[in-house]
Protein backbone atom coordinates (compact mmCIF):
# COMPACT_ATOMS: atom_id res chain seq x y z
CA MET A 1 -144.12 -203.00 142.58
CA THR A 2 -142.45 -204.58 139.60
CA LYS A 3 -141.92 -202.56 136.59
CA VAL A 4 -141.24 -203.82 133.48
CA ILE A 5 -139.77 -202.26 130.00
CA SER A 6 -139.17 -203.39 126.52
CA ALA A 7 -137.34 -202.52 123.40
CA ASP A 8 -136.39 -204.06 119.86
CA TRP A 9 -133.16 -205.17 121.39
CA VAL A 10 -131.78 -205.88 124.79
CA LEU A 11 -128.17 -206.12 125.39
CA PRO A 12 -127.32 -207.66 128.53
CA VAL A 13 -122.88 -207.62 127.74
CA GLU A 14 -123.24 -211.09 129.81
CA ALA A 15 -125.44 -212.70 127.60
CA PRO A 16 -126.44 -212.77 124.33
CA PRO A 17 -128.72 -210.02 122.61
CA ILE A 18 -132.42 -210.59 123.15
CA GLU A 19 -134.56 -209.82 120.37
CA ARG A 20 -138.28 -207.80 121.29
CA GLY A 21 -136.51 -207.48 124.83
CA ALA A 22 -137.57 -207.07 128.01
CA ILE A 23 -136.37 -206.44 132.36
CA ALA A 24 -138.07 -206.23 135.01
CA PHE A 25 -137.39 -204.06 137.68
CA GLU A 26 -138.42 -204.44 141.42
CA ASP A 27 -136.92 -202.89 144.30
CA GLY A 28 -134.11 -201.05 142.65
CA ARG A 29 -132.85 -204.13 140.88
CA ILE A 30 -133.39 -206.14 138.17
CA ALA A 31 -135.60 -208.91 138.89
CA ALA A 32 -135.72 -210.28 135.09
CA VAL A 33 -134.60 -209.89 131.70
CA GLY A 34 -136.24 -211.94 128.89
CA THR A 35 -138.66 -211.76 125.95
CA VAL A 36 -141.75 -209.74 125.58
CA ASP A 37 -143.52 -213.06 125.57
CA GLU A 38 -142.11 -214.14 129.05
CA LEU A 39 -142.14 -210.64 131.21
CA GLY A 40 -145.21 -208.48 128.64
CA GLU A 41 -144.20 -205.53 126.78
CA GLY A 42 -144.63 -202.85 129.53
CA THR A 43 -143.39 -199.31 128.69
CA HIS A 44 -141.98 -200.29 125.08
CA TYR A 45 -139.95 -198.30 123.56
CA ALA A 46 -139.75 -199.15 119.64
CA GLU A 47 -137.18 -198.67 117.00
CA SER A 48 -134.90 -198.82 119.98
CA ALA A 49 -132.29 -201.22 122.18
CA ILE A 50 -131.82 -201.46 126.43
CA LEU A 51 -128.68 -201.79 127.26
CA PRO A 52 -127.04 -201.71 131.00
CA GLY A 53 -126.31 -197.96 131.77
CA PHE A 54 -122.79 -196.67 130.61
CA VAL A 55 -120.08 -196.58 133.11
CA ASN A 56 -117.87 -193.81 132.90
CA ALA A 57 -114.91 -194.74 134.81
CA HIS A 58 -112.99 -191.23 134.36
CA THR A 59 -114.90 -188.15 134.76
CA HIS A 60 -114.66 -184.46 136.44
CA ILE A 61 -118.06 -183.48 135.91
CA GLU A 62 -117.13 -179.85 137.32
CA TYR A 63 -115.11 -179.33 134.45
CA ALA A 64 -118.28 -179.29 131.88
CA VAL A 65 -117.90 -176.01 130.37
CA TYR A 66 -114.28 -175.90 130.50
CA GLY A 67 -114.36 -176.36 126.17
CA GLY A 68 -111.99 -175.20 124.32
CA PHE A 69 -109.54 -173.61 127.35
CA GLY A 70 -106.05 -174.23 125.95
CA ASP A 71 -106.68 -176.10 122.90
CA GLY A 72 -104.05 -176.45 120.93
CA LEU A 73 -101.08 -175.83 122.81
CA ALA A 74 -97.53 -177.66 122.49
CA ASP A 75 -97.32 -178.68 126.30
CA PHE A 76 -99.43 -180.20 128.38
CA SER A 77 -97.94 -178.43 131.53
CA GLU A 78 -99.31 -175.05 129.78
CA TRP A 79 -102.66 -176.05 129.49
CA ILE A 80 -102.67 -177.39 132.90
CA SER A 81 -101.53 -173.54 134.16
CA ILE A 82 -104.45 -172.12 131.75
CA HIS A 83 -106.65 -174.38 133.71
CA ILE A 84 -105.22 -173.91 137.53
CA ASP A 85 -106.08 -169.90 136.65
CA ARG A 86 -109.43 -169.94 135.27
CA LYS A 87 -110.25 -172.07 137.73
CA ALA A 88 -109.44 -169.72 140.42
CA ARG A 89 -112.22 -167.23 139.42
CA ILE A 90 -114.80 -169.15 140.64
CA ALA A 91 -116.18 -169.87 143.90
CA TRP A 92 -118.44 -172.82 145.34
CA GLU A 93 -121.64 -171.99 143.65
CA GLU A 94 -119.91 -171.77 140.45
CA TYR A 95 -118.52 -175.03 141.24
CA LEU A 96 -122.06 -176.35 141.89
CA ASP A 97 -123.70 -175.19 138.87
CA ILE A 98 -121.13 -176.47 136.59
CA ALA A 99 -121.03 -179.98 138.41
CA ARG A 100 -124.94 -179.76 138.11
CA LEU A 101 -124.79 -179.89 134.38
CA GLY A 102 -122.38 -182.25 134.29
CA ALA A 103 -124.14 -184.56 136.26
CA ALA A 104 -126.94 -183.81 133.64
CA GLU A 105 -124.93 -183.94 130.49
CA CYS A 106 -124.10 -187.69 131.85
CA LEU A 107 -127.58 -188.78 132.65
CA ALA A 108 -128.10 -187.77 128.78
CA SER A 109 -125.72 -190.07 127.63
CA GLY A 110 -126.89 -193.02 129.24
CA VAL A 111 -124.57 -192.81 131.81
CA THR A 112 -125.85 -193.97 135.46
CA THR A 113 -122.26 -194.53 137.48
CA ILE A 114 -119.39 -192.59 137.30
CA GLY A 115 -116.03 -192.65 138.81
CA ASP A 116 -115.58 -188.42 139.02
CA CYS A 117 -112.05 -187.06 140.47
CA SER A 118 -113.55 -183.72 142.23
CA PHE A 119 -111.36 -180.47 143.03
CA SER A 120 -114.04 -179.31 144.99
CA GLY A 121 -116.46 -181.85 146.32
CA ALA A 122 -119.74 -179.96 144.18
CA ALA A 123 -119.73 -183.31 142.08
CA ALA A 124 -121.04 -185.60 145.28
CA VAL A 125 -123.54 -182.72 145.82
CA ALA A 126 -124.54 -182.78 142.18
CA CYS A 127 -124.78 -186.72 141.81
CA ALA A 128 -127.06 -186.48 145.09
CA GLU A 129 -129.43 -184.05 143.51
CA LEU A 130 -129.92 -185.19 139.93
CA GLY A 131 -129.49 -189.36 140.78
CA LEU A 132 -126.68 -189.99 138.88
CA ARG A 133 -124.57 -193.04 140.90
CA ALA A 134 -121.21 -191.97 141.41
CA THR A 135 -117.66 -192.68 143.69
CA VAL A 136 -116.55 -189.27 144.28
CA TYR A 137 -113.10 -189.46 144.87
CA VAL A 138 -111.77 -186.28 146.31
CA GLU A 139 -108.54 -185.00 144.62
CA VAL A 140 -105.82 -183.65 147.07
CA PHE A 141 -102.10 -182.30 145.93
CA GLY A 142 -98.57 -181.56 147.43
CA ALA A 143 -95.65 -182.99 149.11
CA ASP A 144 -97.06 -182.39 152.96
CA VAL A 145 -99.73 -184.88 154.18
CA PRO A 146 -101.11 -183.06 156.72
CA ASP A 147 -101.89 -180.35 154.37
CA ALA A 148 -103.01 -182.82 151.62
CA LEU A 149 -105.30 -184.87 154.57
CA GLU A 150 -106.78 -181.46 156.02
CA ARG A 151 -107.63 -180.53 152.53
CA PHE A 152 -109.28 -183.90 152.06
CA ALA A 153 -111.25 -184.02 155.33
CA ARG A 154 -112.09 -180.22 154.93
CA ILE A 155 -114.10 -181.37 151.33
CA ARG A 156 -115.46 -184.30 152.92
CA ASP A 157 -116.91 -182.72 155.90
CA ARG A 158 -118.44 -179.91 153.69
CA VAL A 159 -120.39 -182.65 151.27
CA GLU A 160 -120.40 -185.70 154.06
CA GLY A 161 -124.41 -185.16 153.73
CA SER A 162 -124.14 -185.86 149.59
CA PHE A 163 -123.30 -189.28 150.50
CA SER A 164 -124.83 -192.31 150.73
CA GLU A 165 -125.50 -195.77 149.32
CA ARG A 166 -125.61 -194.42 145.70
CA VAL A 167 -122.88 -191.63 146.20
CA GLN A 168 -119.62 -192.97 147.84
CA PRO A 169 -116.84 -191.50 148.68
CA GLY A 170 -113.04 -192.38 147.76
CA VAL A 171 -109.77 -189.50 147.14
CA SER A 172 -107.50 -188.75 144.28
CA PRO A 173 -104.34 -188.66 144.98
CA HIS A 174 -103.51 -186.50 141.68
CA ALA A 175 -100.70 -187.61 139.89
CA PRO A 176 -96.90 -188.99 140.68
CA TYR A 177 -95.65 -185.58 139.85
CA SER A 178 -98.44 -183.40 141.92
CA VAL A 179 -98.92 -185.77 145.08
CA SER A 180 -95.67 -187.14 146.71
CA ALA A 181 -94.84 -191.26 147.83
CA GLU A 182 -95.69 -190.07 151.69
CA VAL A 183 -99.26 -188.73 150.48
CA TYR A 184 -100.01 -191.49 147.87
CA GLU A 185 -99.61 -193.54 151.17
CA ALA A 186 -101.29 -191.52 153.19
CA CYS A 187 -104.57 -191.64 151.41
CA ALA A 188 -104.08 -195.62 150.80
CA GLU A 189 -104.69 -195.43 154.84
CA LEU A 190 -107.71 -193.70 154.65
CA GLY A 191 -109.15 -196.89 153.06
CA LEU A 192 -111.49 -195.84 150.53
CA PRO A 193 -111.11 -195.94 147.15
CA LEU A 194 -108.75 -194.83 145.40
CA ALA A 195 -107.89 -193.25 141.82
CA THR A 196 -104.73 -191.32 140.13
CA HIS A 197 -103.94 -189.95 136.83
CA LEU A 198 -101.02 -191.84 135.47
CA SER A 199 -98.40 -192.18 132.17
CA GLU A 200 -100.01 -189.81 130.28
CA SER A 201 -97.63 -187.94 128.45
CA VAL A 202 -93.76 -188.02 127.20
CA ASN A 203 -93.38 -184.75 129.03
CA GLU A 204 -94.73 -186.47 131.99
CA LEU A 205 -92.59 -189.66 131.82
CA ALA A 206 -89.12 -187.02 130.68
CA TYR A 207 -89.99 -185.13 134.32
CA LEU A 208 -90.76 -188.10 136.30
CA THR A 209 -87.71 -190.16 135.78
CA ARG A 210 -85.08 -187.77 134.61
CA GLY A 211 -86.76 -184.23 135.96
CA GLU A 212 -85.77 -183.00 132.89
CA GLY A 213 -88.08 -181.48 129.81
CA SER A 214 -90.27 -178.72 129.22
CA TRP A 215 -92.04 -179.34 132.74
CA SER A 216 -88.71 -178.67 134.87
CA THR A 217 -89.77 -175.13 134.66
CA TYR A 218 -93.27 -175.40 135.90
CA ALA A 219 -91.17 -176.60 139.61
CA ASP A 220 -92.95 -174.98 141.61
CA LEU A 221 -96.25 -176.71 140.86
CA LEU A 222 -94.80 -179.96 141.34
CA VAL A 223 -93.30 -182.34 143.45
CA GLU A 224 -89.84 -183.60 143.45
CA PRO A 225 -89.24 -186.17 140.29
CA PRO A 226 -89.15 -189.88 141.89
CA ARG A 227 -86.27 -190.54 138.98
CA THR A 228 -89.07 -193.31 137.88
CA THR A 229 -92.09 -193.87 135.94
CA GLY A 230 -95.18 -193.14 138.08
CA THR A 231 -96.68 -197.06 137.36
CA ARG A 232 -93.15 -198.03 139.11
CA LEU A 233 -93.66 -195.51 141.80
CA LEU A 234 -97.28 -197.11 143.17
CA ALA A 235 -95.72 -200.82 142.60
CA ASP A 236 -93.16 -200.05 144.58
CA LEU A 237 -95.30 -198.81 147.22
CA GLU A 238 -97.44 -201.26 147.13
CA LEU A 239 -100.34 -199.10 146.27
CA LEU A 240 -101.34 -200.74 143.24
CA GLY A 241 -104.27 -202.98 143.38
CA PRO A 242 -108.26 -203.10 142.75
CA SER A 243 -108.68 -200.68 145.34
CA LEU A 244 -107.02 -197.96 142.97
CA VAL A 245 -108.11 -196.89 139.51
CA ALA A 246 -105.56 -195.72 137.54
CA ALA A 247 -106.47 -193.25 134.39
CA HIS A 248 -105.05 -192.77 131.27
CA CYS A 249 -101.77 -195.41 131.27
CA VAL A 250 -100.87 -193.80 127.31
CA LEU A 251 -97.06 -194.77 127.90
CA VAL A 252 -96.47 -198.09 129.99
CA ASP A 253 -94.00 -200.99 128.51
CA GLU A 254 -94.85 -204.29 129.03
CA GLU A 255 -93.26 -204.67 132.36
CA GLU A 256 -95.61 -202.16 133.71
CA ILE A 257 -98.66 -203.64 131.86
CA ASP A 258 -97.68 -206.86 133.79
CA LEU A 259 -97.70 -204.86 137.10
CA LEU A 260 -101.61 -203.49 136.66
CA ALA A 261 -102.54 -206.80 135.51
CA THR A 262 -101.17 -208.77 138.36
CA SER A 263 -102.44 -206.34 140.67
CA GLY A 264 -105.62 -206.30 139.37
CA THR A 265 -105.28 -202.50 138.76
CA GLY A 266 -108.17 -200.79 137.50
CA VAL A 267 -107.44 -198.69 134.45
CA ALA A 268 -109.77 -195.89 132.69
CA HIS A 269 -109.32 -195.47 129.27
CA CYS A 270 -110.00 -192.05 127.98
CA ALA A 271 -109.42 -192.29 124.07
CA ARG A 272 -110.43 -188.71 122.75
CA SER A 273 -108.65 -186.88 125.78
CA ASN A 274 -105.38 -188.73 125.06
CA ALA A 275 -105.91 -187.41 121.39
CA GLN A 276 -106.55 -183.98 121.73
CA LEU A 277 -103.91 -183.10 123.64
CA GLY A 278 -101.72 -184.66 121.98
CA CYS A 279 -100.72 -187.55 124.04
CA GLY A 280 -100.90 -190.14 121.94
CA VAL A 281 -103.20 -194.12 121.93
CA ALA A 282 -102.94 -195.71 124.82
CA PRO A 283 -102.05 -199.40 124.45
CA LEU A 284 -105.75 -201.17 124.57
CA ASP A 285 -105.25 -204.08 122.85
CA GLU A 286 -101.72 -205.29 125.04
CA LEU A 287 -103.57 -203.80 128.19
CA ARG A 288 -106.54 -205.95 127.34
CA GLY A 289 -104.96 -209.05 126.19
CA ALA A 290 -102.84 -209.37 129.45
CA GLY A 291 -106.08 -209.08 131.72
CA VAL A 292 -105.91 -205.19 132.90
CA ARG A 293 -109.05 -204.28 134.04
CA VAL A 294 -109.92 -201.73 131.93
CA GLY A 295 -112.97 -199.49 131.16
CA ILE A 296 -113.72 -196.35 129.62
CA GLY A 297 -113.88 -192.93 130.73
CA THR A 298 -114.76 -189.45 128.85
CA ASP A 299 -112.53 -187.31 130.88
CA SER A 300 -114.17 -184.11 130.45
CA PRO A 301 -114.58 -181.29 128.22
CA ALA A 302 -111.58 -179.84 129.46
CA SER A 303 -110.03 -181.93 127.37
CA ALA A 304 -112.33 -184.70 125.36
CA VAL A 305 -115.23 -181.91 123.98
CA SER A 306 -118.22 -183.78 126.33
CA PHE A 307 -119.37 -186.32 127.81
CA ASP A 308 -120.96 -188.01 125.16
CA LEU A 309 -120.08 -191.97 125.57
CA PHE A 310 -121.14 -192.96 121.90
CA ASP A 311 -118.49 -190.45 120.48
CA GLU A 312 -116.28 -191.85 123.36
CA LEU A 313 -117.08 -195.39 122.37
CA ARG A 314 -116.70 -194.55 118.47
CA THR A 315 -112.98 -192.97 119.26
CA VAL A 316 -112.18 -195.78 121.31
CA VAL A 317 -112.68 -198.10 118.55
CA LEU A 318 -111.32 -196.09 115.41
CA ALA A 319 -107.96 -195.61 118.10
CA ALA A 320 -106.96 -199.35 118.50
CA ARG A 321 -107.55 -200.49 115.18
CA ALA A 322 -105.76 -197.88 114.13
CA ARG A 323 -103.17 -198.51 116.30
CA ALA A 324 -103.53 -202.73 115.87
CA GLY A 325 -103.60 -202.23 112.54
CA ARG A 326 -106.45 -204.39 112.32
CA PRO A 327 -109.88 -204.17 111.78
CA ASP A 328 -110.74 -207.24 114.62
CA ALA A 329 -108.70 -205.46 117.16
CA LEU A 330 -111.70 -203.98 119.07
CA THR A 331 -115.57 -205.04 117.49
CA ALA A 332 -118.50 -202.57 118.39
CA ALA A 333 -119.95 -205.22 121.26
CA GLU A 334 -116.42 -205.17 122.92
CA ALA A 335 -116.69 -201.60 123.26
CA ILE A 336 -119.74 -201.89 124.36
CA GLU A 337 -118.60 -204.01 126.86
CA LEU A 338 -115.93 -202.07 128.13
CA ALA A 339 -117.99 -198.85 128.72
CA THR A 340 -120.24 -201.34 130.86
CA LEU A 341 -118.68 -204.28 132.54
CA GLY A 342 -115.56 -203.71 132.19
CA SER A 343 -115.83 -199.60 133.80
CA ALA A 344 -117.63 -201.55 136.51
CA ARG A 345 -114.85 -203.76 137.11
CA ALA A 346 -112.40 -200.96 136.98
CA LEU A 347 -114.17 -199.34 139.50
CA GLY A 348 -114.34 -202.29 141.77
CA LEU A 349 -118.72 -201.89 141.37
CA ASP A 350 -118.89 -205.52 139.15
CA GLU A 351 -121.17 -206.99 141.62
CA GLU A 352 -123.84 -203.78 140.94
CA VAL A 353 -123.90 -202.78 138.12
CA GLY A 354 -122.04 -203.28 134.77
CA SER A 355 -124.62 -205.73 132.93
CA LEU A 356 -128.36 -206.78 132.68
CA VAL A 357 -128.78 -209.88 135.41
CA PRO A 358 -131.02 -210.21 138.27
CA GLY A 359 -130.18 -209.23 141.05
CA LYS A 360 -127.76 -206.12 140.00
CA ARG A 361 -128.56 -202.80 140.50
CA ALA A 362 -131.77 -201.59 137.85
CA ASP A 363 -129.62 -199.08 135.58
CA ALA A 364 -130.19 -199.01 132.03
CA ALA A 365 -130.40 -196.55 128.83
CA VAL A 366 -132.62 -197.06 126.55
CA VAL A 367 -131.03 -195.97 123.06
CA SER A 368 -133.21 -194.90 119.69
CA LEU A 369 -131.87 -195.20 116.32
CA ALA A 370 -135.24 -194.47 114.97
CA GLY A 371 -134.63 -192.11 111.34
CA SER A 372 -130.97 -193.40 111.26
CA PRO A 373 -129.17 -195.12 108.26
CA TYR A 374 -129.10 -198.19 110.84
CA LEU A 375 -132.75 -199.36 110.29
CA PRO A 376 -133.80 -202.32 110.35
CA TRP A 377 -131.38 -203.61 112.18
CA GLU A 378 -128.91 -206.34 111.42
CA GLU A 379 -126.22 -205.94 114.47
CA PRO A 380 -128.01 -204.11 117.65
CA ALA A 381 -124.32 -203.80 119.67
CA THR A 382 -122.86 -202.55 115.96
CA ASP A 383 -125.68 -200.46 115.06
CA VAL A 384 -126.05 -198.38 118.70
CA VAL A 385 -122.09 -197.54 119.08
CA TYR A 386 -121.94 -196.04 115.60
CA GLY A 387 -125.49 -194.63 115.31
CA GLY A 388 -125.64 -194.10 118.80
CA SER A 389 -125.67 -190.42 120.08
CA MET A 390 -126.99 -187.98 123.24
CA ASP A 391 -129.56 -186.86 120.69
CA ARG A 392 -130.68 -190.62 120.69
CA VAL A 393 -130.83 -191.79 124.82
CA LEU A 394 -134.48 -191.77 125.50
CA ALA A 395 -134.33 -192.70 129.09
CA THR A 396 -131.84 -193.39 131.65
CA PHE A 397 -133.31 -195.42 134.32
CA VAL A 398 -130.18 -195.56 137.70
CA GLY A 399 -131.74 -198.11 140.40
CA GLY A 400 -135.77 -198.70 138.50
CA GLU A 401 -135.75 -195.03 138.61
CA LEU A 402 -136.72 -192.83 135.67
CA ARG A 403 -133.82 -189.97 136.16
CA TYR A 404 -133.65 -188.86 132.49
CA GLU A 405 -135.74 -188.38 129.98
CA LYS A 406 -135.35 -187.19 126.60
CA GLY A 407 -136.90 -183.82 126.87
CA GLY A 408 -137.92 -183.72 130.42
CA PHE A 409 -134.77 -181.76 131.92
CA GLU A 410 -135.19 -177.64 132.26
CA TRP A 411 -132.00 -177.50 130.55
CA HIS A 412 -132.12 -173.30 129.90
CA GLU A 413 -132.11 -173.64 133.98
CA LEU A 414 -128.69 -175.87 133.90
CA ILE A 415 -127.05 -173.88 130.97
CA ALA A 416 -127.26 -170.73 132.21
CA ALA A 417 -126.07 -171.51 134.96
CA ALA A 418 -123.18 -173.17 134.13
CA HIS A 419 -122.47 -170.85 131.04
CA ASN A 420 -122.46 -168.10 134.23
CA ALA A 421 -119.52 -169.79 135.62
CA ARG A 422 -118.00 -169.90 132.22
CA ARG A 423 -117.89 -166.16 131.90
CA ALA A 424 -116.42 -165.59 134.95
CA MET A 425 -113.28 -167.90 134.15
CA LEU A 426 -113.03 -165.89 131.04
CA ALA A 427 -113.22 -162.51 132.55
CA PRO A 428 -110.10 -160.42 133.22
CA ARG A 429 -107.81 -161.29 136.26
CA VAL A 430 -108.80 -159.48 138.82
CA ALA A 431 -105.53 -158.64 141.18
CA ALA A 432 -104.90 -160.37 144.24
CA GLY A 433 -106.22 -158.94 147.42
CA THR A 434 -109.11 -156.63 145.85
CA PRO A 435 -112.61 -157.09 147.41
CA GLU A 436 -113.36 -158.62 143.67
CA ALA A 437 -111.20 -160.66 143.70
CA GLY A 438 -112.13 -165.09 144.14
CA ALA A 439 -110.36 -167.52 146.13
CA ALA A 440 -106.72 -168.84 146.46
CA ALA A 441 -105.26 -169.95 143.33
CA PRO A 442 -105.99 -174.54 143.63
CA ARG A 443 -102.44 -175.86 142.27
CA HIS A 444 -103.84 -178.05 139.63
CA ALA A 445 -106.58 -178.40 137.01
CA SER A 446 -106.03 -182.14 135.24
């Protein structure tokens, strides 16, 4: 059965905006894109634009209620330690409650696909339940290959029933400072999509390259430093490539940018997270100029306040212009492309999602500008980037199915359950060995 939706504008991304545009969905895919005169009005959204569903290239939806934990700490390693301690205080059901809220907030922001680095595997269950498209990268840590692979297998087995054509498994060797070269290689041999954190902070590089700096005092949480940068380490291991998405890449030099570009490695640019943690501003202009497959990620509320893709878009634009010192460094239309087709390319999903093209998955977001200062319309992409917000998302379709409609979620239930988990994390620490104590502390949080 064919379904048609229409709006003041349709922004296909791979083609110019269409005024009085419409999209036809059929069997979960886009059947046609055109004008209302060509396709009919169907369900019409007034004073609105239809975009491809946003593709959030780097999330941790299991951290949806971690906002403010350790904010303003001088050292990134201190921030990680707080998260390690606090998430040790909750169990599987709390992880699920938080992940469900995170998935719902992504859908409410017009996000239809995520690349999620999942500590517990709860992200897979939440995405399956709420209808969010995802690659769920199960995180592994440490220097010991059998231990890392056992952790991966245990988590994957626990959530195996949640994987499907829409929710795919991946693996995330966490970062070069928390995972040995041998574990990276073992993860690659699994033949799954890979995600990792890479070149995020100055202190990270000091530890990796020289074994120095404030991180050296946290040696029990880290692997032996490889005495090179993370990017060069992965290049030497021949692990850079289209199956890998690297989050952050704030501190990469010209040679490393070339390695990322020529290998086809995806990069998830997380501007708000990088800024809030004081890590710096990634060289987006240089990455794009070199041909790196760059997308946008919100990271998590642990480091970026929210999953609001519109806040992320605005920060990406402003940071790019500030770093380059010119207002044409990144346009609003280019930012939308980064958050849709760019992120899809970074995740290796651009044949299926990221633009409104016949044959692709019927993933779309409807954004209203009613009552905003951006009406009447002038430039629809600019108006959406600067005038859009989670509150203005009217509907989110995944595979042609309405997965979010404004006012449709039982938000009070989702929020109450997730906030109970946050309360548990903020409660006084229970002594180890007592009946009330939670699971053993996980080693890493980022």
